[in-house]
Amino acid sequence: MTTPRALTDLPFHRYLEDTDEVPGPSSDHEVAHYRGTDFSDVRADGARLTECAFSDTTFGASRWRGARFNDVWFQGSQLVGTDLAESQWLDTEFVTCALAGTATFDVTMNRVVFHGCKLVSVNLREARLDDVTFSHCVLRDVDFAGAGLRRVSFPGSELLGVHLDQAVMDGVDVRGAGELDLRTGRGSLKGLTITHAQLAELAPLFAAALEITVTD
């Protein structure tokens, strides 16, 4: 199980510079540290951020469509109503962050880790997630419909009303999840690894997906 990194653990920590420079459309930013910054009114479509850190930042209804985040670290940040659709994430880490009503459809995530985060009503439809870990997170009404999930795990997390309609999964492991409440359509659970106890819990879901009536 991965351990969340502190700011000083980042390999690029010594090069970080505190900045108030707000990203704009198609702008480039490297080794920037945003501390307590409010991005609520920012429009940064297509921005590129490399080896950057965000500490206790607020994103609000800002727009980052098609932005690219490469080796970026977030801690204690609030992404509420934020538009991140079609963005790309590589080697990114979220620590104790909150995402609510976030538009993240059509995003691409590679080697991304969420530690102790809360995700509520996050739209990940048609997203592509590879090697993504949700560690000790709460996912409530998160929508993975039509998404491609490969080597995704949820150790110590709670999945509450998570939607997997027509998701394509390969090596998705929920055995470490503390609570498992899935909403899905026919055939969407192929590629999912669960425990025997979880199999019993999900029996009604399987019956509904196969249109089986269970009665005494």
N, C-alpha and C. Protein backbone atom coordinates (compact mmCIF):
# COMPACT_ATOMS: atom_id res chain seq x y z
N MET A 1 0.85 -1.20 0.00
CA MET A 1 0.00 0.00 0.00
C MET A 1 0.88 1.25 0.00
N THR A 2 0.56 2.21 -0.83
CA THR A 2 1.36 3.42 -0.92
C THR A 2 1.11 4.33 0.29
N THR A 3 2.13 5.10 0.65
CA THR A 3 2.05 6.06 1.74
C THR A 3 2.04 7.46 1.16
N PRO A 4 1.13 8.33 1.61
CA PRO A 4 1.09 9.69 1.06
C PRO A 4 2.39 10.43 1.33
N ARG A 5 2.83 11.19 0.34
CA ARG A 5 4.06 11.96 0.48
C ARG A 5 3.75 13.35 1.03
N ALA A 6 4.66 13.86 1.83
CA ALA A 6 4.61 15.26 2.25
C ALA A 6 5.29 16.11 1.19
N LEU A 7 5.11 17.41 1.29
CA LEU A 7 5.70 18.32 0.31
C LEU A 7 7.22 18.11 0.23
N THR A 8 7.85 17.93 1.38
CA THR A 8 9.31 17.79 1.40
C THR A 8 9.79 16.45 0.85
N ASP A 9 8.86 15.51 0.62
CA ASP A 9 9.23 14.21 0.05
C ASP A 9 9.31 14.25 -1.47
N LEU A 10 8.81 15.29 -2.07
CA LEU A 10 8.77 15.35 -3.53
C LEU A 10 10.19 15.49 -4.08
N PRO A 11 10.52 14.75 -5.11
CA PRO A 11 11.88 14.82 -5.66
C PRO A 11 12.25 16.19 -6.20
N PHE A 12 11.24 16.99 -6.53
CA PHE A 12 11.51 18.33 -7.06
C PHE A 12 11.29 19.42 -6.02
N HIS A 13 11.15 19.02 -4.74
CA HIS A 13 10.82 19.97 -3.67
C HIS A 13 11.79 21.15 -3.62
N ARG A 14 13.09 20.88 -3.73
CA ARG A 14 14.10 21.94 -3.58
C ARG A 14 13.99 23.01 -4.66
N TYR A 15 13.35 22.65 -5.77
CA TYR A 15 13.26 23.59 -6.89
C TYR A 15 11.95 24.39 -6.89
N LEU A 16 11.02 24.03 -6.02
CA LEU A 16 9.72 24.70 -6.03
C LEU A 16 9.84 26.16 -5.63
N GLU A 17 9.05 26.99 -6.30
CA GLU A 17 9.01 28.41 -5.98
C GLU A 17 7.57 28.83 -5.75
N ASP A 18 7.31 29.45 -4.59
CA ASP A 18 5.97 29.96 -4.31
C ASP A 18 5.62 31.02 -5.36
N THR A 19 4.40 30.95 -5.85
CA THR A 19 4.01 31.88 -6.91
C THR A 19 2.55 32.26 -6.77
N ASP A 20 2.23 33.45 -7.24
CA ASP A 20 0.84 33.93 -7.33
C ASP A 20 0.42 34.02 -8.80
N GLU A 21 1.29 33.57 -9.69
CA GLU A 21 0.98 33.62 -11.12
C GLU A 21 -0.12 32.62 -11.45
N VAL A 22 -1.25 33.11 -11.87
CA VAL A 22 -2.41 32.26 -12.13
C VAL A 22 -2.33 31.71 -13.55
N PRO A 23 -2.48 30.40 -13.73
CA PRO A 23 -2.44 29.83 -15.08
C PRO A 23 -3.54 30.39 -15.97
N GLY A 24 -3.21 30.52 -17.24
CA GLY A 24 -4.18 30.95 -18.23
C GLY A 24 -4.27 29.92 -19.33
N PRO A 25 -5.08 30.15 -20.35
CA PRO A 25 -5.22 29.19 -21.45
C PRO A 25 -3.88 28.89 -22.12
N SER A 26 -3.57 27.60 -22.27
CA SER A 26 -2.37 27.12 -22.96
C SER A 26 -1.07 27.62 -22.34
N SER A 27 -1.10 28.02 -21.08
CA SER A 27 0.12 28.49 -20.42
C SER A 27 0.95 27.30 -19.91
N ASP A 28 2.25 27.54 -19.68
CA ASP A 28 3.17 26.51 -19.20
C ASP A 28 3.69 26.91 -17.82
N HIS A 29 3.73 25.92 -16.91
CA HIS A 29 4.19 26.20 -15.55
C HIS A 29 5.01 25.02 -15.06
N GLU A 30 6.19 25.30 -14.53
CA GLU A 30 7.07 24.27 -13.99
C GLU A 30 7.55 24.66 -12.60
N VAL A 31 7.73 23.66 -11.75
CA VAL A 31 8.20 23.80 -10.37
C VAL A 31 7.58 25.00 -9.66
N ALA A 32 6.27 25.16 -9.83
CA ALA A 32 5.53 26.22 -9.16
C ALA A 32 4.81 25.65 -7.95
N HIS A 33 4.81 26.40 -6.84
CA HIS A 33 4.09 25.99 -5.63
C HIS A 33 3.00 27.02 -5.35
N TYR A 34 1.75 26.54 -5.45
CA TYR A 34 0.60 27.38 -5.16
C TYR A 34 0.15 27.08 -3.74
N ARG A 35 0.23 28.08 -2.87
CA ARG A 35 -0.07 27.88 -1.45
C ARG A 35 -1.29 28.72 -1.07
N GLY A 36 -2.44 28.04 -0.81
CA GLY A 36 -3.64 28.75 -0.40
C GLY A 36 -4.27 29.58 -1.50
N THR A 37 -3.94 29.32 -2.75
CA THR A 37 -4.43 30.11 -3.88
C THR A 37 -5.89 29.78 -4.19
N ASP A 38 -6.66 30.80 -4.53
CA ASP A 38 -8.06 30.63 -4.94
C ASP A 38 -8.13 30.77 -6.46
N PHE A 39 -8.44 29.64 -7.14
CA PHE A 39 -8.51 29.63 -8.60
C PHE A 39 -9.96 29.73 -9.11
N SER A 40 -10.88 30.15 -8.28
CA SER A 40 -12.31 30.02 -8.59
C SER A 40 -12.72 30.61 -9.93
N ASP A 41 -12.11 31.69 -10.35
CA ASP A 41 -12.53 32.34 -11.59
C ASP A 41 -11.54 32.11 -12.74
N VAL A 42 -10.65 31.16 -12.57
CA VAL A 42 -9.60 30.93 -13.57
C VAL A 42 -10.14 30.18 -14.78
N ARG A 43 -9.67 30.56 -15.96
CA ARG A 43 -9.92 29.83 -17.19
C ARG A 43 -8.56 29.40 -17.72
N ALA A 44 -8.26 28.12 -17.61
CA ALA A 44 -6.91 27.63 -17.95
C ALA A 44 -6.99 26.43 -18.89
N ASP A 45 -7.87 26.49 -19.87
CA ASP A 45 -7.97 25.39 -20.84
C ASP A 45 -6.62 25.18 -21.53
N GLY A 46 -6.19 23.91 -21.58
CA GLY A 46 -4.96 23.59 -22.29
C GLY A 46 -3.69 23.96 -21.55
N ALA A 47 -3.80 24.38 -20.29
CA ALA A 47 -2.59 24.72 -19.53
C ALA A 47 -1.75 23.46 -19.29
N ARG A 48 -0.44 23.64 -19.11
CA ARG A 48 0.47 22.52 -18.88
C ARG A 48 1.23 22.78 -17.58
N LEU A 49 1.09 21.86 -16.63
CA LEU A 49 1.75 22.02 -15.33
C LEU A 49 2.64 20.81 -15.08
N THR A 50 3.92 21.06 -14.84
CA THR A 50 4.91 20.00 -14.65
C THR A 50 5.66 20.22 -13.35
N GLU A 51 5.75 19.17 -12.53
CA GLU A 51 6.44 19.22 -11.25
C GLU A 51 5.99 20.44 -10.44
N CYS A 52 4.67 20.51 -10.22
CA CYS A 52 4.08 21.60 -9.45
C CYS A 52 3.40 21.04 -8.19
N ALA A 53 3.16 21.92 -7.22
CA ALA A 53 2.51 21.52 -5.98
C ALA A 53 1.40 22.51 -5.64
N PHE A 54 0.29 21.97 -5.12
CA PHE A 54 -0.86 22.77 -4.72
C PHE A 54 -1.17 22.46 -3.26
N SER A 55 -0.97 23.42 -2.38
CA SER A 55 -1.23 23.23 -0.95
C SER A 55 -2.42 24.07 -0.52
N ASP A 56 -3.48 23.40 -0.03
CA ASP A 56 -4.67 24.09 0.52
C ASP A 56 -5.24 25.10 -0.47
N THR A 57 -5.35 24.70 -1.72
CA THR A 57 -5.88 25.57 -2.75
C THR A 57 -7.37 25.32 -2.97
N THR A 58 -8.06 26.31 -3.55
CA THR A 58 -9.48 26.22 -3.85
C THR A 58 -9.68 26.44 -5.34
N PHE A 59 -10.34 25.48 -5.99
CA PHE A 59 -10.51 25.57 -7.43
C PHE A 59 -11.90 26.08 -7.83
N GLY A 60 -12.91 25.84 -7.01
CA GLY A 60 -14.24 26.33 -7.32
C GLY A 60 -14.67 25.97 -8.73
N ALA A 61 -15.38 26.89 -9.37
CA ALA A 61 -15.92 26.63 -10.71
C ALA A 61 -14.94 27.03 -11.80
N SER A 62 -13.66 26.87 -11.55
CA SER A 62 -12.67 27.19 -12.58
C SER A 62 -12.72 26.15 -13.70
N ARG A 63 -12.09 26.49 -14.82
CA ARG A 63 -12.16 25.62 -16.00
C ARG A 63 -10.74 25.28 -16.48
N TRP A 64 -10.48 23.97 -16.59
CA TRP A 64 -9.17 23.47 -16.97
C TRP A 64 -9.30 22.41 -18.07
N ARG A 65 -10.18 22.59 -19.00
CA ARG A 65 -10.41 21.58 -20.03
C ARG A 65 -9.16 21.35 -20.87
N GLY A 66 -8.82 20.07 -21.04
CA GLY A 66 -7.67 19.72 -21.85
C GLY A 66 -6.33 20.06 -21.21
N ALA A 67 -6.33 20.47 -19.94
CA ALA A 67 -5.06 20.78 -19.27
C ALA A 67 -4.27 19.50 -19.03
N ARG A 68 -2.94 19.64 -18.89
CA ARG A 68 -2.08 18.49 -18.65
C ARG A 68 -1.33 18.68 -17.32
N PHE A 69 -1.45 17.67 -16.46
CA PHE A 69 -0.80 17.70 -15.15
C PHE A 69 0.20 16.55 -15.11
N ASN A 70 1.48 16.88 -15.07
CA ASN A 70 2.54 15.88 -15.10
C ASN A 70 3.40 16.01 -13.85
N ASP A 71 3.38 14.95 -13.00
CA ASP A 71 4.14 14.95 -11.75
C ASP A 71 3.71 16.12 -10.87
N VAL A 72 2.43 16.14 -10.52
CA VAL A 72 1.85 17.23 -9.74
C VAL A 72 1.31 16.66 -8.43
N TRP A 73 1.39 17.46 -7.37
CA TRP A 73 1.01 17.03 -6.01
C TRP A 73 -0.02 18.01 -5.47
N PHE A 74 -1.14 17.46 -4.95
CA PHE A 74 -2.19 18.27 -4.34
C PHE A 74 -2.36 17.84 -2.89
N GLN A 75 -2.46 18.81 -1.99
CA GLN A 75 -2.70 18.49 -0.58
C GLN A 75 -3.74 19.46 -0.02
N GLY A 76 -4.80 18.89 0.60
CA GLY A 76 -5.82 19.70 1.25
C GLY A 76 -6.55 20.64 0.31
N SER A 77 -6.64 20.30 -0.96
CA SER A 77 -7.26 21.19 -1.94
C SER A 77 -8.73 20.85 -2.14
N GLN A 78 -9.52 21.87 -2.51
CA GLN A 78 -10.96 21.72 -2.72
C GLN A 78 -11.26 21.94 -4.20
N LEU A 79 -11.79 20.89 -4.86
CA LEU A 79 -12.18 21.00 -6.26
C LEU A 79 -13.69 20.77 -6.32
N VAL A 80 -14.44 21.85 -6.19
CA VAL A 80 -15.90 21.78 -6.10
C VAL A 80 -16.50 22.49 -7.30
N GLY A 81 -17.20 21.73 -8.14
CA GLY A 81 -17.78 22.31 -9.34
C GLY A 81 -16.75 22.66 -10.39
N THR A 82 -15.57 22.06 -10.30
CA THR A 82 -14.46 22.37 -11.20
C THR A 82 -14.60 21.60 -12.52
N ASP A 83 -14.30 22.25 -13.62
CA ASP A 83 -14.37 21.62 -14.94
C ASP A 83 -12.98 21.18 -15.35
N LEU A 84 -12.74 19.87 -15.29
CA LEU A 84 -11.45 19.27 -15.66
C LEU A 84 -11.61 18.31 -16.83
N ALA A 85 -12.69 18.42 -17.55
CA ALA A 85 -12.98 17.49 -18.64
C ALA A 85 -11.85 17.46 -19.66
N GLU A 86 -11.58 16.26 -20.18
CA GLU A 86 -10.60 16.02 -21.23
C GLU A 86 -9.17 16.33 -20.80
N SER A 87 -8.94 16.49 -19.51
CA SER A 87 -7.59 16.77 -19.02
C SER A 87 -6.78 15.47 -18.93
N GLN A 88 -5.45 15.61 -18.81
CA GLN A 88 -4.55 14.47 -18.74
C GLN A 88 -3.72 14.56 -17.46
N TRP A 89 -3.62 13.41 -16.77
CA TRP A 89 -2.94 13.37 -15.47
C TRP A 89 -1.92 12.24 -15.49
N LEU A 90 -0.67 12.57 -15.18
CA LEU A 90 0.39 11.57 -15.15
C LEU A 90 1.21 11.74 -13.87
N ASP A 91 1.40 10.63 -13.13
CA ASP A 91 2.21 10.66 -11.90
C ASP A 91 1.75 11.77 -10.96
N THR A 92 0.45 11.80 -10.71
CA THR A 92 -0.15 12.85 -9.87
C THR A 92 -0.64 12.24 -8.57
N GLU A 93 -0.57 13.03 -7.49
CA GLU A 93 -0.97 12.55 -6.17
C GLU A 93 -1.90 13.57 -5.51
N PHE A 94 -3.02 13.05 -4.97
CA PHE A 94 -3.96 13.87 -4.22
C PHE A 94 -3.95 13.39 -2.76
N VAL A 95 -3.72 14.30 -1.83
CA VAL A 95 -3.68 13.94 -0.41
C VAL A 95 -4.72 14.76 0.33
N THR A 96 -5.67 14.07 0.98
CA THR A 96 -6.75 14.69 1.76
C THR A 96 -7.42 15.84 1.00
N CYS A 97 -7.80 15.58 -0.23
CA CYS A 97 -8.49 16.57 -1.06
C CYS A 97 -9.98 16.22 -1.15
N ALA A 98 -10.78 17.20 -1.53
CA ALA A 98 -12.22 16.99 -1.72
C ALA A 98 -12.59 17.37 -3.15
N LEU A 99 -13.27 16.43 -3.84
CA LEU A 99 -13.77 16.68 -5.19
C LEU A 99 -15.28 16.47 -5.15
N ALA A 100 -16.04 17.49 -5.53
CA ALA A 100 -17.50 17.39 -5.50
C ALA A 100 -18.09 18.08 -6.72
N GLY A 101 -19.01 17.39 -7.39
CA GLY A 101 -19.63 17.96 -8.59
C GLY A 101 -18.60 18.31 -9.64
N THR A 102 -17.52 17.53 -9.69
CA THR A 102 -16.41 17.82 -10.59
C THR A 102 -16.63 17.16 -11.95
N ALA A 103 -16.44 17.93 -13.02
CA ALA A 103 -16.56 17.40 -14.38
C ALA A 103 -15.21 16.84 -14.80
N THR A 104 -15.09 15.53 -14.78
CA THR A 104 -13.84 14.88 -15.17
C THR A 104 -14.10 13.83 -16.25
N PHE A 105 -15.12 14.04 -17.05
CA PHE A 105 -15.40 13.08 -18.13
C PHE A 105 -14.32 13.20 -19.20
N ASP A 106 -14.05 12.05 -19.83
CA ASP A 106 -13.06 11.98 -20.91
C ASP A 106 -11.64 12.31 -20.45
N VAL A 107 -11.36 12.23 -19.14
CA VAL A 107 -9.99 12.48 -18.69
C VAL A 107 -9.15 11.22 -18.88
N THR A 108 -7.84 11.40 -18.87
CA THR A 108 -6.90 10.29 -18.91
C THR A 108 -6.02 10.38 -17.67
N MET A 109 -6.00 9.30 -16.88
CA MET A 109 -5.17 9.26 -15.67
C MET A 109 -4.23 8.08 -15.74
N ASN A 110 -2.94 8.35 -15.57
CA ASN A 110 -1.92 7.31 -15.54
C ASN A 110 -1.09 7.48 -14.27
N ARG A 111 -1.00 6.40 -13.49
CA ARG A 111 -0.21 6.41 -12.25
C ARG A 111 -0.63 7.58 -11.36
N VAL A 112 -1.90 7.59 -11.01
CA VAL A 112 -2.47 8.62 -10.14
C VAL A 112 -2.90 7.97 -8.83
N VAL A 113 -2.65 8.64 -7.71
CA VAL A 113 -2.99 8.11 -6.39
C VAL A 113 -3.81 9.14 -5.62
N PHE A 114 -4.91 8.67 -5.03
CA PHE A 114 -5.73 9.48 -4.14
C PHE A 114 -5.58 8.92 -2.72
N HIS A 115 -5.16 9.74 -1.77
CA HIS A 115 -5.01 9.32 -0.38
C HIS A 115 -6.00 10.08 0.50
N GLY A 116 -6.88 9.36 1.20
CA GLY A 116 -7.76 10.00 2.16
C GLY A 116 -8.61 11.10 1.57
N CYS A 117 -9.03 10.95 0.32
CA CYS A 117 -9.82 11.97 -0.36
C CYS A 117 -11.31 11.63 -0.30
N LYS A 118 -12.12 12.64 -0.52
CA LYS A 118 -13.57 12.45 -0.61
C LYS A 118 -14.02 12.89 -2.00
N LEU A 119 -14.66 11.96 -2.73
CA LEU A 119 -15.17 12.25 -4.07
C LEU A 119 -16.68 12.08 -4.05
N VAL A 120 -17.41 13.15 -4.32
CA VAL A 120 -18.87 13.14 -4.29
C VAL A 120 -19.40 13.65 -5.62
N SER A 121 -20.26 12.85 -6.26
CA SER A 121 -20.87 13.25 -7.54
C SER A 121 -19.83 13.70 -8.55
N VAL A 122 -18.78 12.92 -8.67
CA VAL A 122 -17.72 13.20 -9.65
C VAL A 122 -18.04 12.44 -10.94
N ASN A 123 -18.01 13.15 -12.05
CA ASN A 123 -18.36 12.58 -13.35
C ASN A 123 -17.10 12.10 -14.06
N LEU A 124 -16.88 10.79 -14.05
CA LEU A 124 -15.74 10.19 -14.75
C LEU A 124 -16.20 9.35 -15.95
N ARG A 125 -17.30 9.75 -16.55
CA ARG A 125 -17.81 9.02 -17.71
C ARG A 125 -16.79 9.04 -18.86
N GLU A 126 -16.63 7.89 -19.49
CA GLU A 126 -15.74 7.74 -20.64
C GLU A 126 -14.28 8.09 -20.31
N ALA A 127 -13.94 8.13 -19.04
CA ALA A 127 -12.55 8.40 -18.66
C ALA A 127 -11.69 7.15 -18.89
N ARG A 128 -10.37 7.35 -18.91
CA ARG A 128 -9.44 6.24 -19.02
C ARG A 128 -8.50 6.30 -17.82
N LEU A 129 -8.58 5.28 -16.96
CA LEU A 129 -7.76 5.22 -15.75
C LEU A 129 -6.85 4.00 -15.82
N ASP A 130 -5.55 4.22 -15.76
CA ASP A 130 -4.57 3.14 -15.76
C ASP A 130 -3.66 3.30 -14.54
N ASP A 131 -3.54 2.22 -13.75
CA ASP A 131 -2.67 2.24 -12.57
C ASP A 131 -3.06 3.38 -11.63
N VAL A 132 -4.33 3.41 -11.25
CA VAL A 132 -4.86 4.43 -10.35
C VAL A 132 -5.26 3.77 -9.03
N THR A 133 -4.91 4.41 -7.92
CA THR A 133 -5.22 3.88 -6.60
C THR A 133 -6.03 4.89 -5.80
N PHE A 134 -7.14 4.43 -5.22
CA PHE A 134 -7.93 5.22 -4.29
C PHE A 134 -7.71 4.60 -2.91
N SER A 135 -6.85 5.20 -2.11
CA SER A 135 -6.48 4.64 -0.81
C SER A 135 -7.19 5.36 0.32
N HIS A 136 -8.02 4.62 1.06
CA HIS A 136 -8.76 5.16 2.21
C HIS A 136 -9.54 6.42 1.81
N CYS A 137 -10.26 6.30 0.70
CA CYS A 137 -11.09 7.39 0.19
C CYS A 137 -12.57 7.05 0.38
N VAL A 138 -13.41 8.06 0.24
CA VAL A 138 -14.86 7.87 0.17
C VAL A 138 -15.30 8.30 -1.23
N LEU A 139 -15.92 7.36 -1.97
CA LEU A 139 -16.45 7.66 -3.30
C LEU A 139 -17.97 7.51 -3.22
N ARG A 140 -18.67 8.62 -3.32
CA ARG A 140 -20.13 8.61 -3.23
C ARG A 140 -20.73 9.14 -4.53
N ASP A 141 -21.58 8.32 -5.17
CA ASP A 141 -22.22 8.69 -6.43
C ASP A 141 -21.19 9.11 -7.49
N VAL A 142 -20.09 8.40 -7.53
CA VAL A 142 -19.09 8.64 -8.57
C VAL A 142 -19.48 7.83 -9.81
N ASP A 143 -19.41 8.45 -10.97
CA ASP A 143 -19.92 7.85 -12.20
C ASP A 143 -18.77 7.45 -13.13
N PHE A 144 -18.53 6.13 -13.24
CA PHE A 144 -17.53 5.58 -14.15
C PHE A 144 -18.18 5.00 -15.41
N ALA A 145 -19.39 5.40 -15.74
CA ALA A 145 -20.09 4.80 -16.87
C ALA A 145 -19.28 4.97 -18.15
N GLY A 146 -19.09 3.85 -18.86
CA GLY A 146 -18.37 3.87 -20.12
C GLY A 146 -16.88 4.10 -19.99
N ALA A 147 -16.37 4.12 -18.77
CA ALA A 147 -14.93 4.36 -18.57
C ALA A 147 -14.12 3.10 -18.80
N GLY A 148 -12.83 3.27 -19.08
CA GLY A 148 -11.90 2.15 -19.16
C GLY A 148 -11.03 2.16 -17.92
N LEU A 149 -11.11 1.10 -17.13
CA LEU A 149 -10.37 1.02 -15.87
C LEU A 149 -9.41 -0.15 -15.93
N ARG A 150 -8.13 0.13 -15.81
CA ARG A 150 -7.13 -0.93 -15.86
C ARG A 150 -6.18 -0.81 -14.67
N ARG A 151 -6.07 -1.89 -13.91
CA ARG A 151 -5.23 -1.92 -12.72
C ARG A 151 -5.58 -0.75 -11.78
N VAL A 152 -6.86 -0.71 -11.41
CA VAL A 152 -7.37 0.29 -10.47
C VAL A 152 -7.72 -0.42 -9.17
N SER A 153 -7.33 0.14 -8.03
CA SER A 153 -7.60 -0.50 -6.74
C SER A 153 -8.16 0.52 -5.76
N PHE A 154 -8.82 -0.03 -4.70
CA PHE A 154 -9.52 0.81 -3.74
C PHE A 154 -9.24 0.38 -2.30
N PRO A 155 -7.98 0.25 -1.87
CA PRO A 155 -7.70 -0.24 -0.52
C PRO A 155 -8.23 0.69 0.56
N GLY A 156 -9.02 0.11 1.49
CA GLY A 156 -9.53 0.88 2.61
C GLY A 156 -10.57 1.91 2.27
N SER A 157 -11.09 1.89 1.03
CA SER A 157 -12.04 2.93 0.60
C SER A 157 -13.49 2.46 0.73
N GLU A 158 -14.41 3.42 0.72
CA GLU A 158 -15.84 3.15 0.72
C GLU A 158 -16.41 3.56 -0.63
N LEU A 159 -17.05 2.60 -1.31
CA LEU A 159 -17.68 2.85 -2.60
C LEU A 159 -19.18 2.85 -2.40
N LEU A 160 -19.78 4.02 -2.46
CA LEU A 160 -21.19 4.19 -2.12
C LEU A 160 -21.95 4.70 -3.33
N GLY A 161 -22.76 3.83 -3.92
CA GLY A 161 -23.52 4.23 -5.10
C GLY A 161 -22.64 4.55 -6.28
N VAL A 162 -21.59 3.76 -6.48
CA VAL A 162 -20.66 3.99 -7.59
C VAL A 162 -21.22 3.36 -8.86
N HIS A 163 -21.27 4.12 -9.94
CA HIS A 163 -21.87 3.67 -11.20
C HIS A 163 -20.81 3.11 -12.14
N LEU A 164 -21.09 1.91 -12.67
CA LEU A 164 -20.14 1.24 -13.56
C LEU A 164 -20.82 0.78 -14.85
N ASP A 165 -21.89 1.42 -15.23
CA ASP A 165 -22.61 1.02 -16.44
C ASP A 165 -21.69 1.04 -17.66
N GLN A 166 -21.57 -0.11 -18.33
CA GLN A 166 -20.80 -0.26 -19.56
C GLN A 166 -19.32 0.11 -19.38
N ALA A 167 -18.84 0.10 -18.15
CA ALA A 167 -17.40 0.30 -17.94
C ALA A 167 -16.65 -0.94 -18.41
N VAL A 168 -15.45 -0.74 -18.92
CA VAL A 168 -14.60 -1.84 -19.35
C VAL A 168 -13.46 -1.94 -18.34
N MET A 169 -13.37 -3.09 -17.65
CA MET A 169 -12.42 -3.22 -16.55
C MET A 169 -11.43 -4.35 -16.81
N ASP A 170 -10.21 -4.13 -16.35
CA ASP A 170 -9.15 -5.12 -16.46
C ASP A 170 -8.26 -4.98 -15.23
N GLY A 171 -8.29 -5.97 -14.35
CA GLY A 171 -7.46 -5.91 -13.16
C GLY A 171 -7.92 -4.89 -12.14
N VAL A 172 -9.24 -4.68 -12.06
CA VAL A 172 -9.79 -3.77 -11.06
C VAL A 172 -10.03 -4.54 -9.76
N ASP A 173 -9.44 -4.08 -8.67
CA ASP A 173 -9.43 -4.83 -7.41
C ASP A 173 -10.14 -4.03 -6.32
N VAL A 174 -11.26 -4.56 -5.84
CA VAL A 174 -12.00 -3.89 -4.76
C VAL A 174 -11.96 -4.71 -3.47
N ARG A 175 -11.06 -5.70 -3.41
CA ARG A 175 -11.03 -6.58 -2.24
C ARG A 175 -10.72 -5.84 -0.94
N GLY A 176 -10.00 -4.74 -1.02
CA GLY A 176 -9.68 -4.01 0.20
C GLY A 176 -10.69 -2.94 0.57
N ALA A 177 -11.76 -2.81 -0.22
CA ALA A 177 -12.76 -1.78 0.07
C ALA A 177 -13.52 -2.11 1.34
N GLY A 178 -13.75 -1.10 2.18
CA GLY A 178 -14.47 -1.32 3.42
C GLY A 178 -15.97 -1.43 3.22
N GLU A 179 -16.49 -0.73 2.21
CA GLU A 179 -17.93 -0.80 1.89
C GLU A 179 -18.06 -0.79 0.37
N LEU A 180 -18.98 -1.60 -0.13
CA LEU A 180 -19.09 -1.79 -1.58
C LEU A 180 -20.55 -1.74 -2.00
N ASP A 181 -20.95 -0.62 -2.59
CA ASP A 181 -22.31 -0.44 -3.11
C ASP A 181 -22.18 0.01 -4.56
N LEU A 182 -22.36 -0.94 -5.48
CA LEU A 182 -22.15 -0.67 -6.90
C LEU A 182 -23.48 -0.60 -7.63
N ARG A 183 -23.54 0.29 -8.61
CA ARG A 183 -24.70 0.39 -9.50
C ARG A 183 -24.19 0.13 -10.91
N THR A 184 -24.75 -0.88 -11.56
CA THR A 184 -24.19 -1.26 -12.85
C THR A 184 -25.22 -1.92 -13.73
N GLY A 185 -24.90 -2.01 -15.01
CA GLY A 185 -25.75 -2.71 -15.96
C GLY A 185 -25.17 -4.05 -16.32
N ARG A 186 -25.79 -4.73 -17.23
CA ARG A 186 -25.39 -6.08 -17.63
C ARG A 186 -23.94 -6.09 -18.16
N GLY A 187 -23.17 -7.05 -17.65
CA GLY A 187 -21.84 -7.29 -18.17
C GLY A 187 -20.77 -6.31 -17.76
N SER A 188 -21.10 -5.33 -16.90
CA SER A 188 -20.13 -4.31 -16.57
C SER A 188 -19.12 -4.73 -15.50
N LEU A 189 -19.30 -5.89 -14.89
CA LEU A 189 -18.42 -6.29 -13.80
C LEU A 189 -17.32 -7.24 -14.26
N LYS A 190 -17.23 -7.53 -15.54
CA LYS A 190 -16.14 -8.34 -16.04
C LYS A 190 -14.82 -7.63 -15.78
N GLY A 191 -13.84 -8.37 -15.24
CA GLY A 191 -12.54 -7.80 -14.95
C GLY A 191 -12.41 -7.28 -13.53
N LEU A 192 -13.44 -7.53 -12.69
CA LEU A 192 -13.44 -7.07 -11.30
C LEU A 192 -13.02 -8.21 -10.38
N THR A 193 -12.14 -7.92 -9.42
CA THR A 193 -11.72 -8.92 -8.43
C THR A 193 -12.34 -8.56 -7.08
N ILE A 194 -13.06 -9.53 -6.49
CA ILE A 194 -13.74 -9.31 -5.21
C ILE A 194 -13.46 -10.48 -4.29
N THR A 195 -13.81 -10.34 -3.02
CA THR A 195 -13.66 -11.43 -2.06
C THR A 195 -14.92 -12.29 -2.06
N HIS A 196 -14.85 -13.46 -1.40
CA HIS A 196 -16.03 -14.31 -1.29
C HIS A 196 -17.14 -13.59 -0.51
N ALA A 197 -16.77 -12.86 0.53
CA ALA A 197 -17.77 -12.12 1.31
C ALA A 197 -18.45 -11.06 0.46
N GLN A 198 -17.67 -10.36 -0.37
CA GLN A 198 -18.25 -9.35 -1.25
C GLN A 198 -19.15 -9.97 -2.30
N LEU A 199 -18.82 -11.20 -2.72
CA LEU A 199 -19.67 -11.90 -3.68
C LEU A 199 -21.07 -12.09 -3.12
N ALA A 200 -21.16 -12.45 -1.85
CA ALA A 200 -22.47 -12.61 -1.22
C ALA A 200 -23.20 -11.27 -1.14
N GLU A 201 -22.47 -10.21 -0.83
CA GLU A 201 -23.08 -8.88 -0.73
C GLU A 201 -23.62 -8.41 -2.09
N LEU A 202 -22.92 -8.78 -3.15
CA LEU A 202 -23.29 -8.30 -4.48
C LEU A 202 -24.27 -9.22 -5.20
N ALA A 203 -24.68 -10.30 -4.55
CA ALA A 203 -25.60 -11.25 -5.19
C ALA A 203 -26.85 -10.59 -5.75
N PRO A 204 -27.51 -9.67 -5.02
CA PRO A 204 -28.70 -9.02 -5.60
C PRO A 204 -28.38 -8.24 -6.88
N LEU A 205 -27.18 -7.64 -6.92
CA LEU A 205 -26.78 -6.90 -8.11
C LEU A 205 -26.62 -7.83 -9.30
N PHE A 206 -25.97 -8.98 -9.06
CA PHE A 206 -25.80 -9.96 -10.14
C PHE A 206 -27.15 -10.48 -10.63
N ALA A 207 -28.05 -10.73 -9.69
CA ALA A 207 -29.37 -11.24 -10.07
C ALA A 207 -30.12 -10.23 -10.93
N ALA A 208 -30.03 -8.96 -10.54
CA ALA A 208 -30.73 -7.92 -11.31
C ALA A 208 -30.11 -7.77 -12.70
N ALA A 209 -28.78 -7.85 -12.78
CA ALA A 209 -28.10 -7.71 -14.08
C ALA A 209 -28.47 -8.83 -15.02
N LEU A 210 -28.71 -10.02 -14.47
CA LEU A 210 -29.06 -11.20 -15.28
C LEU A 210 -30.58 -11.37 -15.42
N GLU A 211 -31.31 -10.39 -14.87
CA GLU A 211 -32.77 -10.40 -14.93
C GLU A 211 -33.34 -11.67 -14.28
N ILE A 212 -32.73 -12.04 -13.15
CA ILE A 212 -33.20 -13.21 -12.39
C ILE A 212 -34.11 -12.74 -11.26
N THR A 213 -35.27 -13.37 -11.14
CA THR A 213 -36.16 -13.08 -10.02
C THR A 213 -35.88 -14.05 -8.90
N VAL A 214 -35.57 -13.53 -7.72
CA VAL A 214 -35.29 -14.34 -6.54
C VAL A 214 -36.46 -14.20 -5.57
N THR A 215 -37.11 -15.29 -5.29
CA THR A 215 -38.27 -15.25 -4.40
C THR A 215 -38.41 -16.57 -3.65
N ASP A 216 -39.05 -16.55 -2.50
CA ASP A 216 -39.30 -17.77 -1.72
C ASP A 216 -40.77 -18.18 -1.87
